[in-house]
Amino acid sequence: MLADLRDGARQLRKAPGFTTTALITLALGIGATTAIFTLVHQVMLKSLPVTKASELWRIGDKDRCCNWGGYTQGDEGDFSLFSWEAYQHFRAHTPEFVDLAALQAGNASLGVRRAGSRAPLDTRNGEYVSGNFFRTLGVQPWIGRLLTDEDDKEGAPPVAVMSYRIWHDKYGSDPSVVGAGYQINGHPFTVIGVAPPGFFGAKLAGWGMPDFWLPVTTQLLIEEREGQRARMRTPQTNFLDLLGRVRPGVDPKSLEAKLRVEFHNWLASHVPDMEPGEKQLWQQQTVHLAPGDAGVTALRSEYHEGLRLLLIAAGCVLLVACGNLANLMLARGLKDRAQTSIRVALGASRGRIVRKSLVECVMLAAIGGALGIAVAYAGTRLILRLAFENGGPNNYVPISATPSLPVLVFTLVVSLLTGIIFGIAPAWVTSNADPVEALRGANRSVGGGGSWAQRSLVIAQGAVSVVLLSAAALLGQSLRNLEHQNFGFEMQNRYIAWINPHLGNYKPEQLEPLFRQINDRLRQIPGVRMVTAALYAPMSGDSWNNGVRIEGRPEPPPKEDTSSGFARVTPYFFDTIGSKIVLGRPITEEDTAATRNVAVINEAFVKKFFKDQNPIGQHFGPGKVKYSAMYEIVGVVKDIRYMTWGMKEPVRPMYLLPE
């Protein structure tokens, strides 16, 4: 075998053109496949870096964000988000869990500044978690301590846990951070510890990882402002994912059945508070128990279909590369057929010749696999940059481009299989050499067997290449269609700045003067023609949602979809974003809190609620029939797309109110 390895290396050095072509082909094929598998492993297959992740189970099997109001959830009544009160009920009545933790379904924007510092607020991601969150996951602190149940009680001193990444990158691993005071959204907090490196919480999501973990009860400090209650105060506000560690020996099916019973018991206690439609549907609500070893996998739900298609495409590219390798090996073997015939004449067995050819092929595949790892690293970094970097520094997603051990094993296996499977056919064909033909000069042409093998490989390569080219053409057409899609507003020369005054603990009465001052200063910038503000920007992926009731109409049936998105905007919003009013008028400076409540609706709202009627002058309201006269419709705007997902779906109904 060592002699074959030395001879194989010598033969490869003697044919640099062939070797270079084969290695580049393999590096690209194996590299593309490895790059996609790196993402598949980290997004779809990797477990949480916690103690005995296999013991974790999640209540709910849907990935939802971020708040879900009411006592019913989803078309099938499948609950996955829960209120603080429902969580407390589950925790008190399910001893089958060693611990049951709650974590915020979305993320919290935090304005952070060290106590005594005059530096500007540092905008960071936060996550509200129950006091037993870290204990449930079996996570130990890097320094200091982590949250406990005592920290998650009303009236407890406000504390927070900092992520290792922020502690290392922002504060230079300064140990004095632990015990130091911080202003978080204008309130004093104490950082009590730093999470261990590599721990980013129990959720992998595209909006970034938590920089700080806060007890859920600190919502009472941060969220409760004049006229607004914290979410944990309202039992019908579902904003928590639940993740628990099940005791050994507990049957998941039996536990799931018990969870449904307990959930119905809790819902039954709130029947008097339910809307009429909810009273008819609450008994149909249910919960499912799902494996929680990967935590709450928001990215898995969002990207699994795309990653699957990418992996299939990369596999096809690898097949083409392998076909190229086999064709190159066959052509080279047929070129050297005279030498092979002489070896046979000198007594070399067919098995010996096949082994020699296979050794060369496997060596090429192994070197190509090593180069493929470098290609995979660069490719993975490029994909991650395209997918996540637009979100800014706070949009950090802990997916590493560095291949992990499973990925390296995958690359090794792919390389060896490539060398063996696609090298054995050329090796077998070229070993079938006749010494007599070699002496007669049969080297002048390729034998029938070689021609047949080459033709078969070329046909297979052509077929796969046509499929890939067709898919690439369809993808290119889809991208062109997406680029020229009508989003309902103009993108050119428009810029968006996100401002969250609550991070600075501004009071409600301070907001109007603040935004007026910001508006005036922005208008003074040379080149700025128009400025407007909105609760949510188009294509931001955000908007509030509620049920709509039309004045003069009875309460709709419980299962009828009456939902609509809504946002608040300031005057000149439609002119600024380049959206066209098709009927009536836009929101103007005269539309204030002192005048009548007006609204501008989109075309989808008209189609859903008014059909062929003229909506101008009609009234509607949110929630109950008694509020159906709250807003007067003064205008209709072309459909504006707010969601970044479901691009093939019609724009959903939307109404816009004066801010």
Foldseek 3Di string as FASTA:
>chain_A
DVVLLVVLVVVCVVCVVLLVVLLVLLLQLLLLLLLLVLVCCVQPNDFAPFPPLQLKKWKFDDQDDFKDFALADDLQQADFFFALVLQVLCQVPQVQFPDKKKKFSDWDWKFKDFPPDPDGTDTAIEMAMAQCQCVQRHFAFPDFGGGHNQQQDPPHAWEKEFEPVCCCPVVVVDPVLAQTWMQILNDIYGYGGYTDPPHQGQEFDQQFTGRMYTHLNCLQVQVDAVPTDRRNVDRRMTGIIMMTRGDPPDDQVVSQVVSFVSSLVVVVVCLVVHDPLCVVCNNSRGIHMGRRRSGSNHVCVVCVVVSVVSSVLSNLSSLLSLLVLLLSLLVVLLLCLLVLLVVVVVPDDLVNQLVSQLSSLLVSLVSSLVSSQVSSLVVNVVVCCVRRCVSDPNSDGPRHSHRDPVSSVVSNVSSNCSSRVSRNQSSNQSNPHHNVCSVVVVSPDGDPSSVVVNVVSVVVSVVSVVVSVVVVVVVVVVVVCVVPPCQQFDDPPDDDDDDDCSSNPDHPVVVVVVVVVVLVVVCPPPPDDHDKDKPADAQPQDFDKFFKDWAPDDDDNSSDDRMATEMEIAPCPCVRRVWDWPDFDDDHPVQDPVDAWEKEKEPQNCCVPPNPDDQQQTFMAGDDNVCGRRYGYGTYIYQHHRRNPPPVDDRHIYMYTHD
